């Protein structure tokens, strides 16, 4: 998948940060130098993707369909295909058993 992010758009920067953090196994507060962006090529990430229909008809007379990352789930090991789950995702997916509700 190829994505383009506008660094002047706060929402797009945040979206890219999820991709970068997972791809490079960055921890909260770690810095990322944007000159390393080429290192993302070839990284495999497990993501939830949503498809949305465009609003302008293309040359073929059809509305285009765009695939966008909704959620970055984990990094995938290139050699084994193993899904490398992050601690943050493990916590986020736990059911809330808090009885204080």
PDB file of N, CA and C in Angstrom:
ATOM      1  N   UNK A   1       0.849  -1.169   0.000  1.00  0.00           N
ATOM      2  CA  UNK A   1       0.000   0.000   0.000  1.00  0.00           C
ATOM      3  C   UNK A   1       0.893   1.229   0.000  1.00  0.00           C
ATOM      4  N   UNK A   2       0.499   2.208  -0.705  1.00  0.00           N
ATOM      5  CA  UNK A   2       1.238   3.464  -0.735  1.00  0.00           C
ATOM      6  C   UNK A   2       0.362   4.541  -0.129  1.00  0.00           C
ATOM      7  N   UNK A   3       0.938   5.289   0.798  1.00  0.00           N
ATOM      8  CA  UNK A   3       0.192   6.363   1.448  1.00  0.00           C
ATOM      9  C   UNK A   3       0.973   7.658   1.362  1.00  0.00           C
ATOM     10  N   UNK A   4       0.239   8.748   1.302  1.00  0.00           N
ATOM     11  CA  UNK A   4       0.836  10.072   1.308  1.00  0.00           C
ATOM     12  C   UNK A   4       0.287  10.815   2.514  1.00  0.00           C
ATOM     13  N   UNK A   5       1.179  11.459   3.255  1.00  0.00           N
ATOM     14  CA  UNK A   5       0.768  12.200   4.453  1.00  0.00           C
ATOM     15  C   UNK A   5       1.221  13.643   4.326  1.00  0.00           C
ATOM     16  N   UNK A   6       0.354  14.556   4.732  1.00  0.00           N
ATOM     17  CA  UNK A   6       0.635  15.982   4.710  1.00  0.00           C
ATOM     18  C   UNK A   6       1.066  16.387   6.119  1.00  0.00           C
ATOM     19  N   UNK A   7       2.307  16.794   6.284  1.00  0.00           N
ATOM     20  CA  UNK A   7       2.830  17.154   7.601  1.00  0.00           C
ATOM     21  C   UNK A   7       2.220  18.445   8.144  1.00  0.00           C
ATOM     22  N   UNK A   8       1.464  19.166   7.321  1.00  0.00           N
ATOM     23  CA  UNK A   8       0.767  20.368   7.788  1.00  0.00           C
ATOM     24  C   UNK A   8      -0.615  20.029   8.349  1.00  0.00           C
ATOM     25  N   UNK A   9      -1.008  18.769   8.245  1.00  0.00           N
ATOM     26  CA  UNK A   9      -2.314  18.320   8.715  1.00  0.00           C
ATOM     27  C   UNK A   9      -2.113  17.465   9.960  1.00  0.00           C
ATOM     28  N   UNK A  10      -2.566  17.954  11.104  1.00  0.00           N
ATOM     29  CA  UNK A  10      -2.331  17.289  12.393  1.00  0.00           C
ATOM     30  C   UNK A  10      -2.905  15.868  12.424  1.00  0.00           C
ATOM     31  N   UNK A  11      -4.055  15.662  11.822  1.00  0.00           N
ATOM     32  CA  UNK A  11      -4.674  14.337  11.806  1.00  0.00           C
ATOM     33  C   UNK A  11      -3.829  13.358  10.988  1.00  0.00           C
ATOM     34  N   UNK A  12      -3.307  13.809   9.850  1.00  0.00           N
ATOM     35  CA  UNK A  12      -2.476  12.946   9.026  1.00  0.00           C
ATOM     36  C   UNK A  12      -1.145  12.630   9.710  1.00  0.00           C
ATOM     37  N   UNK A  13      -0.593  13.594  10.411  1.00  0.00           N
ATOM     38  CA  UNK A  13       0.657  13.361  11.148  1.00  0.00           C
ATOM     39  C   UNK A  13       0.427  12.313  12.232  1.00  0.00           C
ATOM     40  N   UNK A  14      -0.689  12.417  12.928  1.00  0.00           N
ATOM     41  CA  UNK A  14      -1.003  11.443  13.973  1.00  0.00           C
ATOM     42  C   UNK A  14      -1.194  10.054  13.366  1.00  0.00           C
ATOM     43  N   UNK A  15      -1.879   9.980  12.236  1.00  0.00           N
ATOM     44  CA  UNK A  15      -2.078   8.700  11.559  1.00  0.00           C
ATOM     45  C   UNK A  15      -0.742   8.077  11.161  1.00  0.00           C
ATOM     46  N   UNK A  16       0.137   8.887  10.606  1.00  0.00           N
ATOM     47  CA  UNK A  16       1.445   8.378  10.216  1.00  0.00           C
ATOM     48  C   UNK A  16       2.236   7.925  11.438  1.00  0.00           C
ATOM     49  N   UNK A  17       2.054   8.614  12.562  1.00  0.00           N
ATOM     50  CA  UNK A  17       2.807   8.249  13.765  1.00  0.00           C
ATOM     51  C   UNK A  17       2.466   6.833  14.219  1.00  0.00           C
ATOM     52  N   UNK A  18       1.207   6.393  14.027  1.00  0.00           N
ATOM     53  CA  UNK A  18       0.831   5.025  14.379  1.00  0.00           C
ATOM     54  C   UNK A  18       1.556   4.017  13.486  1.00  0.00           C
ATOM     55  N   UNK A  19       1.638   4.316  12.207  1.00  0.00           N
ATOM     56  CA  UNK A  19       2.333   3.440  11.269  1.00  0.00           C
ATOM     57  C   UNK A  19       3.820   3.362  11.637  1.00  0.00           C
ATOM     58  N   UNK A  20       4.442   4.515  11.822  1.00  0.00           N
ATOM     59  CA  UNK A  20       5.870   4.576  12.132  1.00  0.00           C
ATOM     60  C   UNK A  20       6.182   3.906  13.467  1.00  0.00           C
ATOM     61  N   UNK A  21       5.379   4.195  14.487  1.00  0.00           N
ATOM     62  CA  UNK A  21       5.618   3.622  15.815  1.00  0.00           C
ATOM     63  C   UNK A  21       5.570   2.102  15.783  1.00  0.00           C
ATOM     64  N   UNK A  22       4.612   1.556  15.063  1.00  0.00           N
ATOM     65  CA  UNK A  22       4.483   0.102  14.982  1.00  0.00           C
ATOM     66  C   UNK A  22       5.592  -0.500  14.119  1.00  0.00           C
ATOM     67  N   UNK A  23       5.875   0.112  12.989  1.00  0.00           N
ATOM     68  CA  UNK A  23       6.889  -0.421  12.073  1.00  0.00           C
ATOM     69  C   UNK A  23       8.284  -0.449  12.690  1.00  0.00           C
ATOM     70  N   UNK A  24       8.599   0.542  13.505  1.00  0.00           N
ATOM     71  CA  UNK A  24       9.935   0.628  14.097  1.00  0.00           C
ATOM     72  C   UNK A  24       9.956   0.256  15.582  1.00  0.00           C
ATOM     73  N   UNK A  25       8.818  -0.242  16.079  1.00  0.00           N
ATOM     74  CA  UNK A  25       8.712  -0.650  17.483  1.00  0.00           C
ATOM     75  C   UNK A  25       9.148   0.475  18.419  1.00  0.00           C
ATOM     76  N   UNK A  26       8.673   1.683  18.138  1.00  0.00           N
ATOM     77  CA  UNK A  26       9.015   2.834  18.972  1.00  0.00           C
ATOM     78  C   UNK A  26       8.174   2.829  20.239  1.00  0.00           C
ATOM     79  N   UNK A  27       8.752   3.308  21.300  1.00  0.00           N
ATOM     80  CA  UNK A  27       8.056   3.416  22.572  1.00  0.00           C
ATOM     81  C   UNK A  27       7.539   4.840  22.722  1.00  0.00           C
ATOM     82  N   UNK A  28       6.598   5.042  23.647  1.00  0.00           N
ATOM     83  CA  UNK A  28       6.071   6.387  23.887  1.00  0.00           C
ATOM     84  C   UNK A  28       7.221   7.344  24.165  1.00  0.00           C
ATOM     85  N   UNK A  29       7.194   8.481  23.506  1.00  0.00           N
ATOM     86  CA  UNK A  29       8.206   9.507  23.725  1.00  0.00           C
ATOM     87  C   UNK A  29       9.429   9.380  22.835  1.00  0.00           C
ATOM     88  N   UNK A  30       9.577   8.249  22.099  1.00  0.00           N
ATOM     89  CA  UNK A  30      10.716   8.093  21.189  1.00  0.00           C
ATOM     90  C   UNK A  30      10.568   9.046  20.019  1.00  0.00           C
ATOM     91  N   UNK A  31      11.685   9.546  19.541  1.00  0.00           N
ATOM     92  CA  UNK A  31      11.694  10.439  18.385  1.00  0.00           C
ATOM     93  C   UNK A  31      11.863   9.630  17.104  1.00  0.00           C
ATOM     94  N   UNK A  32      11.355  10.182  16.019  1.00  0.00           N
ATOM     95  CA  UNK A  32      11.526   9.579  14.704  1.00  0.00           C
ATOM     96  C   UNK A  32      11.998  10.658  13.751  1.00  0.00           C
ATOM     97  N   UNK A  33      13.106  10.391  13.076  1.00  0.00           N
ATOM     98  CA  UNK A  33      13.656  11.324  12.100  1.00  0.00           C
ATOM     99  C   UNK A  33      13.006  11.020  10.746  1.00  0.00           C
ATOM    100  N   UNK A  34      12.310  11.993  10.186  1.00  0.00           N
ATOM    101  CA  UNK A  34      11.586  11.771   8.935  1.00  0.00           C
ATOM    102  C   UNK A  34      12.508  11.392   7.774  1.00  0.00           C
ATOM    103  N   UNK A  35      13.808  11.597   7.928  1.00  0.00           N
ATOM    104  CA  UNK A  35      14.739  11.166   6.879  1.00  0.00           C
ATOM    105  C   UNK A  35      14.822   9.642   6.803  1.00  0.00           C
ATOM    106  N   UNK A  36      14.286   8.933   7.811  1.00  0.00           N
ATOM    107  CA  UNK A  36      14.280   7.466   7.827  1.00  0.00           C
ATOM    108  C   UNK A  36      13.037   6.882   7.148  1.00  0.00           C
ATOM    109  N   UNK A  37      12.187   7.720   6.596  1.00  0.00           N
ATOM    110  CA  UNK A  37      10.908   7.257   6.057  1.00  0.00           C
ATOM    111  C   UNK A  37      11.092   6.177   4.984  1.00  0.00           C
ATOM    112  N   UNK A  38      12.176   6.213   4.229  1.00  0.00           N
ATOM    113  CA  UNK A  38      12.412   5.196   3.197  1.00  0.00           C
ATOM    114  C   UNK A  38      12.581   3.807   3.794  1.00  0.00           C
ATOM    115  N   UNK A  39      12.930   3.721   5.075  1.00  0.00           N
ATOM    116  CA  UNK A  39      13.077   2.427   5.744  1.00  0.00           C
ATOM    117  C   UNK A  39      11.728   1.746   5.949  1.00  0.00           C
ATOM    118  N   UNK A  40      10.633   2.462   5.732  1.00  0.00           N
ATOM    119  CA  UNK A  40       9.305   1.862   5.837  1.00  0.00           C
ATOM    120  C   UNK A  40       9.003   0.953   4.646  1.00  0.00           C
ATOM    121  N   UNK A  41       9.678   1.189   3.521  1.00  0.00           N
ATOM    122  CA  UNK A  41       9.436   0.385   2.322  1.00  0.00           C
ATOM    123  C   UNK A  41       9.789  -1.070   2.623  1.00  0.00           C
ATOM    124  N   UNK A  42       8.830  -1.942   2.387  1.00  0.00           N
ATOM    125  CA  UNK A  42       9.046  -3.365   2.621  1.00  0.00           C
ATOM    126  C   UNK A  42       8.610  -3.850   3.994  1.00  0.00           C
ATOM    127  N   UNK A  43       8.323  -2.922   4.914  1.00  0.00           N
ATOM    128  CA  UNK A  43       7.809  -3.327   6.230  1.00  0.00           C
ATOM    129  C   UNK A  43       6.395  -3.863   6.041  1.00  0.00           C
ATOM    130  N   UNK A  44       6.057  -4.894   6.806  1.00  0.00           N
ATOM    131  CA  UNK A  44       4.721  -5.475   6.718  1.00  0.00           C
ATOM    132  C   UNK A  44       3.984  -5.216   8.019  1.00  0.00           C
ATOM    133  N   UNK A  45       2.816  -4.596   7.895  1.00  0.00           N
ATOM    134  CA  UNK A  45       1.991  -4.283   9.050  1.00  0.00           C
ATOM    135  C   UNK A  45       0.617  -4.902   8.864  1.00  0.00           C
ATOM    136  N   UNK A  46       0.078  -5.411   9.953  1.00  0.00           N
ATOM    137  CA  UNK A  46      -1.295  -5.896   9.955  1.00  0.00           C
ATOM    138  C   UNK A  46      -2.164  -4.693  10.315  1.00  0.00           C
ATOM    139  N   UNK A  47      -3.076  -4.339   9.425  1.00  0.00           N
ATOM    140  CA  UNK A  47      -3.906  -3.153   9.625  1.00  0.00           C
ATOM    141  C   UNK A  47      -5.357  -3.469   9.323  1.00  0.00           C
ATOM    142  N   UNK A  48      -6.231  -2.687   9.931  1.00  0.00           N
ATOM    143  CA  UNK A  48      -7.632  -2.717   9.551  1.00  0.00           C
ATOM    144  C   UNK A  48      -7.792  -1.638   8.487  1.00  0.00           C
ATOM    145  N   UNK A  49      -8.307  -2.034   7.341  1.00  0.00           N
ATOM    146  CA  UNK A  49      -8.441  -1.116   6.214  1.00  0.00           C
ATOM    147  C   UNK A  49      -9.925  -0.880   5.931  1.00  0.00           C
ATOM    148  N   UNK A  50     -10.269   0.368   5.678  1.00  0.00           N
ATOM    149  CA  UNK A  50     -11.631   0.713   5.288  1.00  0.00           C
ATOM    150  C   UNK A  50     -11.601   1.265   3.864  1.00  0.00           C
ATOM    151  N   UNK A  51     -12.644   0.979   3.139  1.00  0.00           N
ATOM    152  CA  UNK A  51     -12.768   1.477   1.774  1.00  0.00           C
ATOM    153  C   UNK A  51     -13.856   2.542   1.744  1.00  0.00           C
ATOM    154  N   UNK A  52     -13.530   3.656   1.106  1.00  0.00           N
ATOM    155  CA  UNK A  52     -14.522   4.725   0.990  1.00  0.00           C
ATOM    156  C   UNK A  52     -14.609   5.166  -0.471  1.00  0.00           C
ATOM    157  N   UNK A  53     -15.807   5.477  -0.871  1.00  0.00           N
ATOM    158  CA  UNK A  53     -16.053   5.890  -2.249  1.00  0.00           C
ATOM    159  C   UNK A  53     -15.794   7.374  -2.401  1.00  0.00           C
ATOM    160  N   UNK A  54     -15.098   7.731  -3.483  1.00  0.00           N
ATOM    161  CA  UNK A  54     -14.830   9.132  -3.761  1.00  0.00           C
ATOM    162  C   UNK A  54     -16.095   9.863  -4.177  1.00  0.00           C
ATOM    163  N   UNK A  55     -15.987  11.155  -4.364  1.00  0.00           N
ATOM    164  CA  UNK A  55     -17.148  11.972  -4.709  1.00  0.00           C
ATOM    165  C   UNK A  55     -17.133  12.445  -6.159  1.00  0.00           C
ATOM    166  N   UNK A  56     -15.991  12.318  -6.825  1.00  0.00           N
ATOM    167  CA  UNK A  56     -15.865  12.798  -8.198  1.00  0.00           C
ATOM    168  C   UNK A  56     -15.698  11.620  -9.153  1.00  0.00           C
ATOM    169  N   UNK A  57     -16.519  11.558 -10.165  1.00  0.00           N
ATOM    170  CA  UNK A  57     -16.469  10.483 -11.149  1.00  0.00           C
ATOM    171  C   UNK A  57     -15.165  10.567 -11.932  1.00  0.00           C
ATOM    172  N   UNK A  58     -14.520   9.422 -12.116  1.00  0.00           N
ATOM    173  CA  UNK A  58     -13.268   9.367 -12.862  1.00  0.00           C
ATOM    174  C   UNK A  58     -13.502   9.297 -14.356  1.00  0.00           C
ATOM    175  N   UNK A  59     -12.407   9.221 -15.125  1.00  0.00           N
ATOM    176  CA  UNK A  59     -12.487   9.158 -16.588  1.00  0.00           C
ATOM    177  C   UNK A  59     -13.250   7.929 -17.075  1.00  0.00           C
ATOM    178  N   UNK A  60     -13.288   6.889 -16.244  1.00  0.00           N
ATOM    179  CA  UNK A  60     -13.984   5.663 -16.636  1.00  0.00           C
ATOM    180  C   UNK A  60     -15.480   5.721 -16.326  1.00  0.00           C
ATOM    181  N   UNK A  61     -15.947   6.862 -15.792  1.00  0.00           N
ATOM    182  CA  UNK A  61     -17.356   7.034 -15.487  1.00  0.00           C
ATOM    183  C   UNK A  61     -17.778   6.457 -14.148  1.00  0.00           C
ATOM    184  N   UNK A  62     -16.812   5.998 -13.367  1.00  0.00           N
ATOM    185  CA  UNK A  62     -17.114   5.391 -12.072  1.00  0.00           C
ATOM    186  C   UNK A  62     -16.526   6.237 -10.939  1.00  0.00           C
ATOM    187  N   UNK A  63     -17.141   6.114  -9.767  1.00  0.00           N
ATOM    188  CA  UNK A  63     -16.578   6.766  -8.585  1.00  0.00           C
ATOM    189  C   UNK A  63     -15.384   5.940  -8.101  1.00  0.00           C
ATOM    190  N   UNK A  64     -14.264   6.581  -7.806  1.00  0.00           N
ATOM    191  CA  UNK A  64     -13.102   5.831  -7.317  1.00  0.00           C
ATOM    192  C   UNK A  64     -13.355   5.320  -5.896  1.00  0.00           C
ATOM    193  N   UNK A  65     -12.670   4.249  -5.537  1.00  0.00           N
ATOM    194  CA  UNK A  65     -12.738   3.694  -4.193  1.00  0.00           C
ATOM    195  C   UNK A  65     -11.341   3.800  -3.593  1.00  0.00           C
ATOM    196  N   UNK A  66     -11.265   4.349  -2.377  1.00  0.00           N
ATOM    197  CA  UNK A  66      -9.995   4.547  -1.699  1.00  0.00           C
ATOM    198  C   UNK A  66      -9.870   3.582  -0.526  1.00  0.00           C
ATOM    199  N   UNK A  67      -8.685   3.004  -0.354  1.00  0.00           N
ATOM    200  CA  UNK A  67      -8.401   2.131   0.783  1.00  0.00           C
ATOM    201  C   UNK A  67      -7.578   2.942   1.777  1.00  0.00           C
ATOM    202  N   UNK A  68      -8.055   3.046   3.001  1.00  0.00           N
ATOM    203  CA  UNK A  68      -7.359   3.818   4.028  1.00  0.00           C
ATOM    204  C   UNK A  68      -7.180   2.972   5.288  1.00  0.00           C
ATOM    205  N   UNK A  69      -6.067   3.187   5.956  1.00  0.00           N
ATOM    206  CA  UNK A  69      -5.804   2.487   7.205  1.00  0.00           C
ATOM    207  C   UNK A  69      -6.692   3.078   8.290  1.00  0.00           C
ATOM    208  N   UNK A  70      -7.508   2.238   8.899  1.00  0.00           N
ATOM    209  CA  UNK A  70      -8.334   2.675  10.017  1.00  0.00           C
ATOM    210  C   UNK A  70      -7.583   2.472  11.328  1.00  0.00           C
ATOM    211  N   UNK A  71      -6.861   1.334  11.414  1.00  0.00           N
ATOM    212  CA  UNK A  71      -6.159   1.014  12.654  1.00  0.00           C
ATOM    213  C   UNK A  71      -4.941   0.173  12.325  1.00  0.00           C
ATOM    214  N   UNK A  72      -3.801   0.522  12.915  1.00  0.00           N
ATOM    215  CA  UNK A  72      -2.584  -0.268  12.790  1.00  0.00           C
ATOM    216  C   UNK A  72      -2.586  -1.259  13.945  1.00  0.00           C
ATOM    217  N   UNK A  73      -2.541  -2.550  13.626  1.00  0.00           N
ATOM    218  CA  UNK A  73      -2.661  -3.576  14.654  1.00  0.00           C
ATOM    219  C   UNK A  73      -1.292  -4.059  15.127  1.00  0.00           C
ATOM    220  N   UNK A  74      -0.421  -4.432  14.202  1.00  0.00           N
ATOM    221  CA  UNK A  74       0.881  -4.952  14.619  1.00  0.00           C
ATOM    222  C   UNK A  74       1.843  -5.049  13.449  1.00  0.00           C
ATOM    223  N   UNK A  75       3.097  -5.273  13.789  1.00  0.00           N
ATOM    224  CA  UNK A  75       4.158  -5.527  12.820  1.00  0.00           C
ATOM    225  C   UNK A  75       4.123  -7.011  12.481  1.00  0.00           C
ATOM    226  N   UNK A  76       4.494  -7.365  11.252  1.00  0.00           N
ATOM    227  CA  UNK A  76       4.561  -8.759  10.830  1.00  0.00           C
ATOM    228  C   UNK A  76       6.017  -9.091  10.531  1.00  0.00           C
ATOM    229  N   UNK A  77       6.510 -10.209  11.072  1.00  0.00           N
ATOM    230  CA  UNK A  77       7.878 -10.655  10.844  1.00  0.00           C
ATOM    231  C   UNK A  77       8.047 -11.025   9.374  1.00  0.00           C
ATOM    232  N   UNK A  78       9.027 -10.428   8.704  1.00  0.00           N
ATOM    233  CA  UNK A  78       9.261 -10.677   7.276  1.00  0.00           C
ATOM    234  C   UNK A  78       9.573 -12.138   6.977  1.00  0.00           C
ATOM    235  N   UNK A  79      10.322 -12.785   7.853  1.00  0.00           N
ATOM    236  CA  UNK A  79      10.782 -14.143   7.586  1.00  0.00           C
ATOM    237  C   UNK A  79       9.731 -15.208   7.893  1.00  0.00           C
ATOM    238  N   UNK A  80       9.051 -15.071   9.029  1.00  0.00           N
ATOM    239  CA  UNK A  80       8.136 -16.114   9.477  1.00  0.00           C
ATOM    240  C   UNK A  80       6.673 -15.798   9.218  1.00  0.00           C
ATOM    241  N   UNK A  81       6.352 -14.542   8.975  1.00  0.00           N
ATOM    242  CA  UNK A  81       4.963 -14.138   8.825  1.00  0.00           C
ATOM    243  C   UNK A  81       4.259 -13.990  10.163  1.00  0.00           C
ATOM    244  N   UNK A  82       5.009 -14.177  11.260  1.00  0.00           N
ATOM    245  CA  UNK A  82       4.452 -14.074  12.610  1.00  0.00           C
ATOM    246  C   UNK A  82       4.028 -12.636  12.897  1.00  0.00           C
ATOM    247  N   UNK A  83       2.873 -12.504  13.515  1.00  0.00           N
ATOM    248  CA  UNK A  83       2.367 -11.197  13.915  1.00  0.00           C
ATOM    249  C   UNK A  83       3.025 -10.832  15.239  1.00  0.00           C
ATOM    250  N   UNK A  84       3.689  -9.691  15.268  1.00  0.00           N
ATOM    251  CA  UNK A  84       4.389  -9.230  16.460  1.00  0.00           C
ATOM    252  C   UNK A  84       3.522  -8.174  17.120  1.00  0.00           C
ATOM    253  N   UNK A  85       2.768  -8.585  18.120  1.00  0.00           N
ATOM    254  CA  UNK A  85       1.834  -7.665  18.758  1.00  0.00           C
ATOM    255  C   UNK A  85       2.578  -6.734  19.692  1.00  0.00           C
ATOM    256  N   UNK A  86       2.102  -5.522  19.773  1.00  0.00           N
ATOM    257  CA  UNK A  86       2.721  -4.539  20.658  1.00  0.00           C
ATOM    258  C   UNK A  86       2.079  -4.602  22.028  1.00  0.00           C
ATOM    259  N   UNK A  87       2.789  -4.237  23.083  1.00  0.00           N
ATOM    260  CA  UNK A  87       2.197  -4.192  24.417  1.00  0.00           C
ATOM    261  C   UNK A  87       0.992  -3.261  24.475  1.00  0.00           C
ATOM    262  N   UNK A  88       1.042  -2.152  23.751  1.00  0.00           N
ATOM    263  CA  UNK A  88      -0.062  -1.191  23.750  1.00  0.00           C
ATOM    264  C   UNK A  88      -1.326  -1.845  23.197  1.00  0.00           C
ATOM    265  N   UNK A  89      -1.208  -2.597  22.104  1.00  0.00           N
ATOM    266  CA  UNK A  89      -2.376  -3.270  21.533  1.00  0.00           C
ATOM    267  C   UNK A  89      -2.905  -4.351  22.466  1.00  0.00           C
ATOM    268  N   UNK A  90      -2.015  -5.047  23.148  1.00  0.00           N
ATOM    269  CA  UNK A  90      -2.449  -6.085  24.078  1.00  0.00           C
ATOM    270  C   UNK A  90      -3.297  -5.474  25.186  1.00  0.00           C
ATOM    271  N   UNK A  91      -2.896  -4.326  25.677  1.00  0.00           N
ATOM    272  CA  UNK A  91      -3.654  -3.646  26.731  1.00  0.00           C
ATOM    273  C   UNK A  91      -4.958  -3.093  26.172  1.00  0.00           C
ATOM    274  N   UNK A  92      -4.900  -2.494  25.003  1.00  0.00           N
ATOM    275  CA  UNK A  92      -6.079  -1.856  24.409  1.00  0.00           C
ATOM    276  C   UNK A  92      -7.181  -2.860  24.115  1.00  0.00           C
ATOM    277  N   UNK A  93      -6.815  -4.105  23.836  1.00  0.00           N
ATOM    278  CA  UNK A  93      -7.824  -5.092  23.463  1.00  0.00           C
ATOM    279  C   UNK A  93      -8.333  -5.911  24.637  1.00  0.00           C
ATOM    280  N   UNK A  94      -7.811  -5.662  25.844  1.00  0.00           N
ATOM    281  CA  UNK A  94      -8.298  -6.364  27.031  1.00  0.00           C
ATOM    282  C   UNK A  94      -9.698  -5.874  27.351  1.00  0.00           C
ATOM    283  N   UNK A  95     -10.542  -6.793  27.784  1.00  0.00           N
ATOM    284  CA  UNK A  95     -11.891  -6.405  28.193  1.00  0.00           C
ATOM    285  C   UNK A  95     -11.799  -5.707  29.539  1.00  0.00           C
ATOM    286  N   UNK A  96     -12.597  -4.700  29.701  1.00  0.00           N
ATOM    287  CA  UNK A  96     -12.598  -3.932  30.944  1.00  0.00           C
ATOM    288  C   UNK A  96     -13.406  -4.664  32.013  1.00  0.00           C
ATOM    289  N   UNK A  97     -12.710  -5.166  33.047  1.00  0.00           N
ATOM    290  CA  UNK A  97     -13.390  -5.870  34.127  1.00  0.00           C
ATOM    291  C   UNK A  97     -13.517  -4.990  35.365  1.00  0.00           C
ATOM    292  N   UNK A  98     -13.384  -3.699  35.182  1.00  0.00           N
ATOM    293  CA  UNK A  98     -13.494  -2.765  36.282  1.00  0.00           C
ATOM    294  C   UNK A  98     -14.923  -2.790  36.825  1.00  0.00           C
ATOM    295  N   UNK A  99     -15.066  -3.079  38.118  1.00  0.00           N
ATOM    296  CA  UNK A  99     -16.410  -3.161  38.704  1.00  0.00           C
ATOM    297  C   UNK A  99     -16.846  -1.849  39.345  1.00  0.00           C
ATOM    298  N   UNK A 100     -16.181  -0.769  38.976  1.00  0.00           N
ATOM    299  CA  UNK A 100     -16.511   0.513  39.566  1.00  0.00           C
ATOM    300  C   UNK A 100     -17.588   1.261  38.796  1.00  0.00           C
ATOM    301  N   UNK A 101     -18.100   0.659  37.736  1.00  0.00           N
ATOM    302  CA  UNK A 101     -19.117   1.325  36.918  1.00  0.00           C
ATOM    303  C   UNK A 101     -20.426   1.482  37.651  1.00  0.00           C
TER     304      UNK A 101
END
